[in-house]
Amino acid sequence: MYSLEEYQGKGIGRKFLHELFLHFKRLSIEKVFVEVLEENKTRYFYEYFGAKLVETKQIKLAGKALNELIYVWDDVDKVMEKINT
């Protein structure tokens, strides 16, 4: 998930996350993870909504070594509560 800079801070990501987690809830999915490059500063968006960093691994992309961060949400309901506040 990524919003262009000119659309960031307008609530679009929050709305998207709400719909996504609502879908997970309907499917009875309780635990969700996301992989994001360390260089991507928008990873703090996930942290704001309760994602916990559980692993960092190095990957190669286009011949360049990059750090990939793996975040986990353990409780879809808690994320929904945070989104709706």
PDB file of N, CA and C in Angstrom:
ATOM      1  N   MET A   1       0.853  -1.160   0.000  1.00  0.00           N
ATOM      2  CA  MET A   1       0.000   0.000   0.000  1.00  0.00           C
ATOM      3  C   MET A   1       0.902   1.227   0.000  1.00  0.00           C
ATOM      4  N   TYR A   2       0.630   2.149  -0.890  1.00  0.00           N
ATOM      5  CA  TYR A   2       1.413   3.376  -0.928  1.00  0.00           C
ATOM      6  C   TYR A   2       0.555   4.487  -1.512  1.00  0.00           C
ATOM      7  N   SER A   3       0.611   5.651  -0.868  1.00  0.00           N
ATOM      8  CA  SER A   3      -0.062   6.851  -1.384  1.00  0.00           C
ATOM      9  C   SER A   3       1.005   7.814  -1.868  1.00  0.00           C
ATOM     10  N   LEU A   4       0.759   8.431  -2.990  1.00  0.00           N
ATOM     11  CA  LEU A   4       1.668   9.461  -3.464  1.00  0.00           C
ATOM     12  C   LEU A   4       1.729  10.579  -2.431  1.00  0.00           C
ATOM     13  N   GLU A   5       2.876  11.256  -2.354  1.00  0.00           N
ATOM     14  CA  GLU A   5       3.084  12.282  -1.325  1.00  0.00           C
ATOM     15  C   GLU A   5       1.982  13.327  -1.286  1.00  0.00           C
ATOM     16  N   GLU A   6       1.480  13.727  -2.435  1.00  0.00           N
ATOM     17  CA  GLU A   6       0.460  14.779  -2.451  1.00  0.00           C
ATOM     18  C   GLU A   6      -0.872  14.327  -1.850  1.00  0.00           C
ATOM     19  N   TYR A   7      -1.032  13.009  -1.653  1.00  0.00           N
ATOM     20  CA  TYR A   7      -2.259  12.482  -1.064  1.00  0.00           C
ATOM     21  C   TYR A   7      -2.070  12.038   0.384  1.00  0.00           C
ATOM     22  N   GLN A   8      -0.835  12.067   0.863  1.00  0.00           N
ATOM     23  CA  GLN A   8      -0.568  11.644   2.232  1.00  0.00           C
ATOM     24  C   GLN A   8      -1.090  12.687   3.216  1.00  0.00           C
ATOM     25  N   GLY A   9      -1.538  12.207   4.367  1.00  0.00           N
ATOM     26  CA  GLY A   9      -2.039  13.097   5.408  1.00  0.00           C
ATOM     27  C   GLY A   9      -3.478  13.536   5.200  1.00  0.00           C
ATOM     28  N   LYS A  10      -4.182  12.924   4.260  1.00  0.00           N
ATOM     29  CA  LYS A  10      -5.568  13.302   3.962  1.00  0.00           C
ATOM     30  C   LYS A  10      -6.578  12.253   4.414  1.00  0.00           C
ATOM     31  N   GLY A  11      -6.099  11.221   5.110  1.00  0.00           N
ATOM     32  CA  GLY A  11      -7.001  10.194   5.620  1.00  0.00           C
ATOM     33  C   GLY A  11      -7.272   9.044   4.666  1.00  0.00           C
ATOM     34  N   ILE A  12      -6.659   9.075   3.498  1.00  0.00           N
ATOM     35  CA  ILE A  12      -6.894   8.025   2.508  1.00  0.00           C
ATOM     36  C   ILE A  12      -6.322   6.689   2.996  1.00  0.00           C
ATOM     37  N   GLY A  13      -5.119   6.715   3.546  1.00  0.00           N
ATOM     38  CA  GLY A  13      -4.497   5.492   4.055  1.00  0.00           C
ATOM     39  C   GLY A  13      -5.300   4.884   5.188  1.00  0.00           C
ATOM     40  N   ARG A  14      -5.818   5.733   6.072  1.00  0.00           N
ATOM     41  CA  ARG A  14      -6.645   5.270   7.190  1.00  0.00           C
ATOM     42  C   ARG A  14      -7.907   4.591   6.660  1.00  0.00           C
ATOM     43  N   LYS A  15      -8.530   5.192   5.667  1.00  0.00           N
ATOM     44  CA  LYS A  15      -9.750   4.600   5.085  1.00  0.00           C
ATOM     45  C   LYS A  15      -9.446   3.269   4.410  1.00  0.00           C
ATOM     46  N   PHE A  16      -8.336   3.223   3.698  1.00  0.00           N
ATOM     47  CA  PHE A  16      -7.942   1.979   3.043  1.00  0.00           C
ATOM     48  C   PHE A  16      -7.668   0.889   4.085  1.00  0.00           C
ATOM     49  N   LEU A  17      -6.917   1.254   5.136  1.00  0.00           N
ATOM     50  CA  LEU A  17      -6.604   0.303   6.189  1.00  0.00           C
ATOM     51  C   LEU A  17      -7.879  -0.188   6.873  1.00  0.00           C
ATOM     52  N   HIS A  18      -8.837   0.712   7.076  1.00  0.00           N
ATOM     53  CA  HIS A  18     -10.117   0.335   7.676  1.00  0.00           C
ATOM     54  C   HIS A  18     -10.813  -0.731   6.831  1.00  0.00           C
ATOM     55  N   GLU A  19     -10.917  -0.487   5.543  1.00  0.00           N
ATOM     56  CA  GLU A  19     -11.582  -1.445   4.658  1.00  0.00           C
ATOM     57  C   GLU A  19     -10.829  -2.774   4.611  1.00  0.00           C
ATOM     58  N   LEU A  20      -9.515  -2.702   4.577  1.00  0.00           N
ATOM     59  CA  LEU A  20      -8.694  -3.904   4.538  1.00  0.00           C
ATOM     60  C   LEU A  20      -8.887  -4.739   5.799  1.00  0.00           C
ATOM     61  N   PHE A  21      -8.843  -4.083   6.960  1.00  0.00           N
ATOM     62  CA  PHE A  21      -8.989  -4.823   8.212  1.00  0.00           C
ATOM     63  C   PHE A  21     -10.433  -5.274   8.439  1.00  0.00           C
ATOM     64  N   LEU A  22     -11.378  -4.555   7.918  1.00  0.00           N
ATOM     65  CA  LEU A  22     -12.768  -4.994   7.961  1.00  0.00           C
ATOM     66  C   LEU A  22     -12.908  -6.294   7.159  1.00  0.00           C
ATOM     67  N   HIS A  23     -12.250  -6.349   6.017  1.00  0.00           N
ATOM     68  CA  HIS A  23     -12.245  -7.557   5.191  1.00  0.00           C
ATOM     69  C   HIS A  23     -11.593  -8.725   5.939  1.00  0.00           C
ATOM     70  N   PHE A  24     -10.457  -8.464   6.591  1.00  0.00           N
ATOM     71  CA  PHE A  24      -9.795  -9.500   7.385  1.00  0.00           C
ATOM     72  C   PHE A  24     -10.731 -10.014   8.480  1.00  0.00           C
ATOM     73  N   LYS A  25     -11.437  -9.086   9.134  1.00  0.00           N
ATOM     74  CA  LYS A  25     -12.352  -9.460  10.208  1.00  0.00           C
ATOM     75  C   LYS A  25     -13.466 -10.369   9.673  1.00  0.00           C
ATOM     76  N   ARG A  26     -14.003 -10.016   8.525  1.00  0.00           N
ATOM     77  CA  ARG A  26     -15.058 -10.842   7.906  1.00  0.00           C
ATOM     78  C   ARG A  26     -14.557 -12.249   7.576  1.00  0.00           C
ATOM     79  N   LEU A  27     -13.288 -12.361   7.278  1.00  0.00           N
ATOM     80  CA  LEU A  27     -12.687 -13.657   6.956  1.00  0.00           C
ATOM     81  C   LEU A  27     -12.172 -14.385   8.200  1.00  0.00           C
ATOM     82  N   SER A  28     -12.403 -13.792   9.362  1.00  0.00           N
ATOM     83  CA  SER A  28     -11.945 -14.348  10.654  1.00  0.00           C
ATOM     84  C   SER A  28     -10.426 -14.444  10.741  1.00  0.00           C
ATOM     85  N   ILE A  29      -9.742 -13.526  10.077  1.00  0.00           N
ATOM     86  CA  ILE A  29      -8.284 -13.456  10.165  1.00  0.00           C
ATOM     87  C   ILE A  29      -7.947 -12.560  11.353  1.00  0.00           C
ATOM     88  N   GLU A  30      -7.141 -13.055  12.264  1.00  0.00           N
ATOM     89  CA  GLU A  30      -6.815 -12.313  13.481  1.00  0.00           C
ATOM     90  C   GLU A  30      -5.424 -11.699  13.456  1.00  0.00           C
ATOM     91  N   LYS A  31      -4.507 -12.302  12.722  1.00  0.00           N
ATOM     92  CA  LYS A  31      -3.117 -11.861  12.712  1.00  0.00           C
ATOM     93  C   LYS A  31      -2.725 -11.491  11.285  1.00  0.00           C
ATOM     94  N   VAL A  32      -2.102 -10.328  11.133  1.00  0.00           N
ATOM     95  CA  VAL A  32      -1.760  -9.814   9.810  1.00  0.00           C
ATOM     96  C   VAL A  32      -0.320  -9.293   9.840  1.00  0.00           C
ATOM     97  N   PHE A  33       0.403  -9.491   8.748  1.00  0.00           N
ATOM     98  CA  PHE A  33       1.748  -8.924   8.680  1.00  0.00           C
ATOM     99  C   PHE A  33       1.917  -8.127   7.399  1.00  0.00           C
ATOM    100  N   VAL A  34       2.901  -7.242   7.425  1.00  0.00           N
ATOM    101  CA  VAL A  34       3.244  -6.444   6.253  1.00  0.00           C
ATOM    102  C   VAL A  34       4.762  -6.371   6.178  1.00  0.00           C
ATOM    103  N   GLU A  35       5.276  -6.395   4.964  1.00  0.00           N
ATOM    104  CA  GLU A  35       6.710  -6.244   4.726  1.00  0.00           C
ATOM    105  C   GLU A  35       6.934  -4.890   4.083  1.00  0.00           C
ATOM    106  N   VAL A  36       7.903  -4.153   4.608  1.00  0.00           N
ATOM    107  CA  VAL A  36       8.159  -2.808   4.111  1.00  0.00           C
ATOM    108  C   VAL A  36       9.663  -2.544   4.130  1.00  0.00           C
ATOM    109  N   LEU A  37      10.137  -1.826   3.142  1.00  0.00           N
ATOM    110  CA  LEU A  37      11.558  -1.487   3.112  1.00  0.00           C
ATOM    111  C   LEU A  37      11.867  -0.462   4.198  1.00  0.00           C
ATOM    112  N   GLU A  38      13.018  -0.634   4.841  1.00  0.00           N
ATOM    113  CA  GLU A  38      13.425   0.252   5.922  1.00  0.00           C
ATOM    114  C   GLU A  38      13.511   1.707   5.463  1.00  0.00           C
ATOM    115  N   GLU A  39      13.898   1.925   4.230  1.00  0.00           N
ATOM    116  CA  GLU A  39      14.020   3.282   3.686  1.00  0.00           C
ATOM    117  C   GLU A  39      12.667   3.984   3.552  1.00  0.00           C
ATOM    118  N   ASN A  40      11.589   3.220   3.564  1.00  0.00           N
ATOM    119  CA  ASN A  40      10.251   3.778   3.390  1.00  0.00           C
ATOM    120  C   ASN A  40       9.780   4.380   4.707  1.00  0.00           C
ATOM    121  N   LYS A  41       9.820   5.686   4.813  1.00  0.00           N
ATOM    122  CA  LYS A  41       9.467   6.376   6.054  1.00  0.00           C
ATOM    123  C   LYS A  41       7.986   6.254   6.399  1.00  0.00           C
ATOM    124  N   THR A  42       7.169   5.875   5.451  1.00  0.00           N
ATOM    125  CA  THR A  42       5.744   5.713   5.755  1.00  0.00           C
ATOM    126  C   THR A  42       5.482   4.464   6.589  1.00  0.00           C
ATOM    127  N   ARG A  43       6.535   3.712   6.893  1.00  0.00           N
ATOM    128  CA  ARG A  43       6.366   2.553   7.777  1.00  0.00           C
ATOM    129  C   ARG A  43       5.859   2.976   9.144  1.00  0.00           C
ATOM    130  N   TYR A  44       6.106   4.221   9.499  1.00  0.00           N
ATOM    131  CA  TYR A  44       5.630   4.739  10.791  1.00  0.00           C
ATOM    132  C   TYR A  44       4.100   4.777  10.832  1.00  0.00           C
ATOM    133  N   PHE A  45       3.477   4.831   9.675  1.00  0.00           N
ATOM    134  CA  PHE A  45       2.016   4.750   9.586  1.00  0.00           C
ATOM    135  C   PHE A  45       1.539   3.431  10.186  1.00  0.00           C
ATOM    136  N   TYR A  46       2.215   2.342   9.839  1.00  0.00           N
ATOM    137  CA  TYR A  46       1.851   1.027  10.372  1.00  0.00           C
ATOM    138  C   TYR A  46       2.074   0.976  11.879  1.00  0.00           C
ATOM    139  N   GLU A  47       3.188   1.557  12.314  1.00  0.00           N
ATOM    140  CA  GLU A  47       3.478   1.583  13.742  1.00  0.00           C
ATOM    141  C   GLU A  47       2.402   2.370  14.498  1.00  0.00           C
ATOM    142  N   TYR A  48       1.969   3.462  13.922  1.00  0.00           N
ATOM    143  CA  TYR A  48       0.938   4.279  14.553  1.00  0.00           C
ATOM    144  C   TYR A  48      -0.325   3.459  14.803  1.00  0.00           C
ATOM    145  N   PHE A  49      -0.647   2.582  13.880  1.00  0.00           N
ATOM    146  CA  PHE A  49      -1.838   1.749  14.007  1.00  0.00           C
ATOM    147  C   PHE A  49      -1.555   0.412  14.686  1.00  0.00           C
ATOM    148  N   GLY A  50      -0.454   0.344  15.434  1.00  0.00           N
ATOM    149  CA  GLY A  50      -0.210  -0.783  16.321  1.00  0.00           C
ATOM    150  C   GLY A  50       0.623  -1.929  15.798  1.00  0.00           C
ATOM    151  N   ALA A  51       1.154  -1.824  14.589  1.00  0.00           N
ATOM    152  CA  ALA A  51       1.999  -2.898  14.073  1.00  0.00           C
ATOM    153  C   ALA A  51       3.310  -2.934  14.852  1.00  0.00           C
ATOM    154  N   LYS A  52       3.750  -4.135  15.164  1.00  0.00           N
ATOM    155  CA  LYS A  52       4.997  -4.328  15.908  1.00  0.00           C
ATOM    156  C   LYS A  52       6.055  -4.917  14.984  1.00  0.00           C
ATOM    157  N   LEU A  53       7.253  -4.324  15.031  1.00  0.00           N
ATOM    158  CA  LEU A  53       8.372  -4.833  14.245  1.00  0.00           C
ATOM    159  C   LEU A  53       8.823  -6.164  14.841  1.00  0.00           C
ATOM    160  N   VAL A  54       8.801  -7.223  14.035  1.00  0.00           N
ATOM    161  CA  VAL A  54       9.168  -8.545  14.542  1.00  0.00           C
ATOM    162  C   VAL A  54      10.431  -9.112  13.890  1.00  0.00           C
ATOM    163  N   GLU A  55      10.798  -8.580  12.744  1.00  0.00           N
ATOM    164  CA  GLU A  55      11.974  -9.128  12.061  1.00  0.00           C
ATOM    165  C   GLU A  55      12.513  -8.126  11.052  1.00  0.00           C
ATOM    166  N   THR A  56      13.823  -8.147  10.919  1.00  0.00           N
ATOM    167  CA  THR A  56      14.495  -7.385   9.862  1.00  0.00           C
ATOM    168  C   THR A  56      15.347  -8.375   9.088  1.00  0.00           C
ATOM    169  N   LYS A  57      15.203  -8.352   7.789  1.00  0.00           N
ATOM    170  CA  LYS A  57      16.050  -9.231   6.983  1.00  0.00           C
ATOM    171  C   LYS A  57      16.580  -8.454   5.794  1.00  0.00           C
ATOM    172  N   GLN A  58      17.712  -8.886   5.304  1.00  0.00           N
ATOM    173  CA  GLN A  58      18.326  -8.223   4.160  1.00  0.00           C
ATOM    174  C   GLN A  58      17.898  -8.936   2.892  1.00  0.00           C
ATOM    175  N   ILE A  59      17.488  -8.136   1.910  1.00  0.00           N
ATOM    176  CA  ILE A  59      17.100  -8.675   0.613  1.00  0.00           C
ATOM    177  C   ILE A  59      17.901  -7.948  -0.465  1.00  0.00           C
ATOM    178  N   LYS A  60      17.925  -8.526  -1.642  1.00  0.00           N
ATOM    179  CA  LYS A  60      18.554  -7.861  -2.786  1.00  0.00           C
ATOM    180  C   LYS A  60      17.473  -7.510  -3.776  1.00  0.00           C
ATOM    181  N   LEU A  61      17.493  -6.259  -4.196  1.00  0.00           N
ATOM    182  CA  LEU A  61      16.532  -5.769  -5.169  1.00  0.00           C
ATOM    183  C   LEU A  61      17.299  -4.954  -6.196  1.00  0.00           C
ATOM    184  N   ALA A  62      17.229  -5.375  -7.432  1.00  0.00           N
ATOM    185  CA  ALA A  62      17.970  -4.723  -8.511  1.00  0.00           C
ATOM    186  C   ALA A  62      19.458  -4.646  -8.181  1.00  0.00           C
ATOM    187  N   GLY A  63      19.987  -5.713  -7.562  1.00  0.00           N
ATOM    188  CA  GLY A  63      21.404  -5.776  -7.244  1.00  0.00           C
ATOM    189  C   GLY A  63      21.825  -4.977  -6.030  1.00  0.00           C
ATOM    190  N   LYS A  64      20.874  -4.369  -5.341  1.00  0.00           N
ATOM    191  CA  LYS A  64      21.181  -3.549  -4.166  1.00  0.00           C
ATOM    192  C   LYS A  64      20.690  -4.259  -2.913  1.00  0.00           C
ATOM    193  N   ALA A  65      21.508  -4.290  -1.871  1.00  0.00           N
ATOM    194  CA  ALA A  65      21.109  -4.889  -0.597  1.00  0.00           C
ATOM    195  C   ALA A  65      20.254  -3.883   0.173  1.00  0.00           C
ATOM    196  N   LEU A  66      19.070  -4.325   0.579  1.00  0.00           N
ATOM    197  CA  LEU A  66      18.139  -3.475   1.324  1.00  0.00           C
ATOM    198  C   LEU A  66      17.638  -4.213   2.555  1.00  0.00           C
ATOM    199  N   ASN A  67      17.286  -3.450   3.577  1.00  0.00           N
ATOM    200  CA  ASN A  67      16.678  -4.046   4.757  1.00  0.00           C
ATOM    201  C   ASN A  67      15.165  -4.055   4.594  1.00  0.00           C
ATOM    202  N   GLU A  68      14.592  -5.230   4.793  1.00  0.00           N
ATOM    203  CA  GLU A  68      13.145  -5.390   4.749  1.00  0.00           C
ATOM    204  C   GLU A  68      12.665  -5.614   6.183  1.00  0.00           C
ATOM    205  N   LEU A  69      11.688  -4.819   6.584  1.00  0.00           N
ATOM    206  CA  LEU A  69      11.134  -4.916   7.927  1.00  0.00           C
ATOM    207  C   LEU A  69       9.809  -5.656   7.870  1.00  0.00           C
ATOM    208  N   ILE A  70       9.603  -6.549   8.820  1.00  0.00           N
ATOM    209  CA  ILE A  70       8.348  -7.286   8.893  1.00  0.00           C
ATOM    210  C   ILE A  70       7.624  -6.851  10.154  1.00  0.00           C
ATOM    211  N   TYR A  71       6.433  -6.295   9.944  1.00  0.00           N
ATOM    212  CA  TYR A  71       5.582  -5.830  11.030  1.00  0.00           C
ATOM    213  C   TYR A  71       4.388  -6.769  11.158  1.00  0.00           C
ATOM    214  N   VAL A  72       3.921  -6.946  12.394  1.00  0.00           N
ATOM    215  CA  VAL A  72       2.780  -7.818  12.646  1.00  0.00           C
ATOM    216  C   VAL A  72       1.753  -7.090  13.503  1.00  0.00           C
ATOM    217  N   TRP A  73       0.491  -7.283  13.140  1.00  0.00           N
ATOM    218  CA  TRP A  73      -0.635  -6.914  13.986  1.00  0.00           C
ATOM    219  C   TRP A  73      -1.174  -8.236  14.524  1.00  0.00           C
ATOM    220  N   ASP A  74      -1.219  -8.387  15.851  1.00  0.00           N
ATOM    221  CA  ASP A  74      -1.682  -9.633  16.459  1.00  0.00           C
ATOM    222  C   ASP A  74      -3.182  -9.684  16.668  1.00  0.00           C
ATOM    223  N   ASP A  75      -3.843  -8.535  16.589  1.00  0.00           N
ATOM    224  CA  ASP A  75      -5.262  -8.498  16.921  1.00  0.00           C
ATOM    225  C   ASP A  75      -5.984  -7.515  16.002  1.00  0.00           C
ATOM    226  N   VAL A  76      -6.714  -8.032  15.037  1.00  0.00           N
ATOM    227  CA  VAL A  76      -7.426  -7.204  14.057  1.00  0.00           C
ATOM    228  C   VAL A  76      -8.406  -6.259  14.758  1.00  0.00           C
ATOM    229  N   ASP A  77      -9.060  -6.728  15.814  1.00  0.00           N
ATOM    230  CA  ASP A  77     -10.025  -5.887  16.527  1.00  0.00           C
ATOM    231  C   ASP A  77      -9.365  -4.652  17.137  1.00  0.00           C
ATOM    232  N   LYS A  78      -8.165  -4.808  17.680  1.00  0.00           N
ATOM    233  CA  LYS A  78      -7.455  -3.664  18.261  1.00  0.00           C
ATOM    234  C   LYS A  78      -7.096  -2.638  17.188  1.00  0.00           C
ATOM    235  N   VAL A  79      -6.734  -3.120  16.019  1.00  0.00           N
ATOM    236  CA  VAL A  79      -6.417  -2.207  14.910  1.00  0.00           C
ATOM    237  C   VAL A  79      -7.673  -1.433  14.514  1.00  0.00           C
ATOM    238  N   MET A  80      -8.795  -2.131  14.436  1.00  0.00           N
ATOM    239  CA  MET A  80     -10.068  -1.482  14.081  1.00  0.00           C
ATOM    240  C   MET A  80     -10.428  -0.412  15.103  1.00  0.00           C
ATOM    241  N   GLU A  81     -10.194  -0.684  16.396  1.00  0.00           N
ATOM    242  CA  GLU A  81     -10.465   0.302  17.442  1.00  0.00           C
ATOM    243  C   GLU A  81      -9.592   1.538  17.228  1.00  0.00           C
ATOM    244  N   LYS A  82      -8.319   1.335  16.951  1.00  0.00           N
ATOM    245  CA  LYS A  82      -7.380   2.454  16.753  1.00  0.00           C
ATOM    246  C   LYS A  82      -7.775   3.264  15.513  1.00  0.00           C
ATOM    247  N   ILE A  83      -8.167   2.592  14.445  1.00  0.00           N
ATOM    248  CA  ILE A  83      -8.558   3.275  13.217  1.00  0.00           C
ATOM    249  C   ILE A  83      -9.792   4.152  13.458  1.00  0.00           C
ATOM    250  N   ASN A  84     -10.712   3.657  14.270  1.00  0.00           N
ATOM    251  CA  ASN A  84     -11.987   4.356  14.483  1.00  0.00           C
ATOM    252  C   ASN A  84     -11.928   5.434  15.561  1.00  0.00           C
ATOM    253  N   THR A  85     -10.735   5.682  16.142  1.00  0.00           N
ATOM    254  CA  THR A  85     -10.644   6.745  17.158  1.00  0.00           C
ATOM    255  C   THR A  85     -10.122   8.016  16.581  1.00  0.00           C
TER     256      THR A  85
END
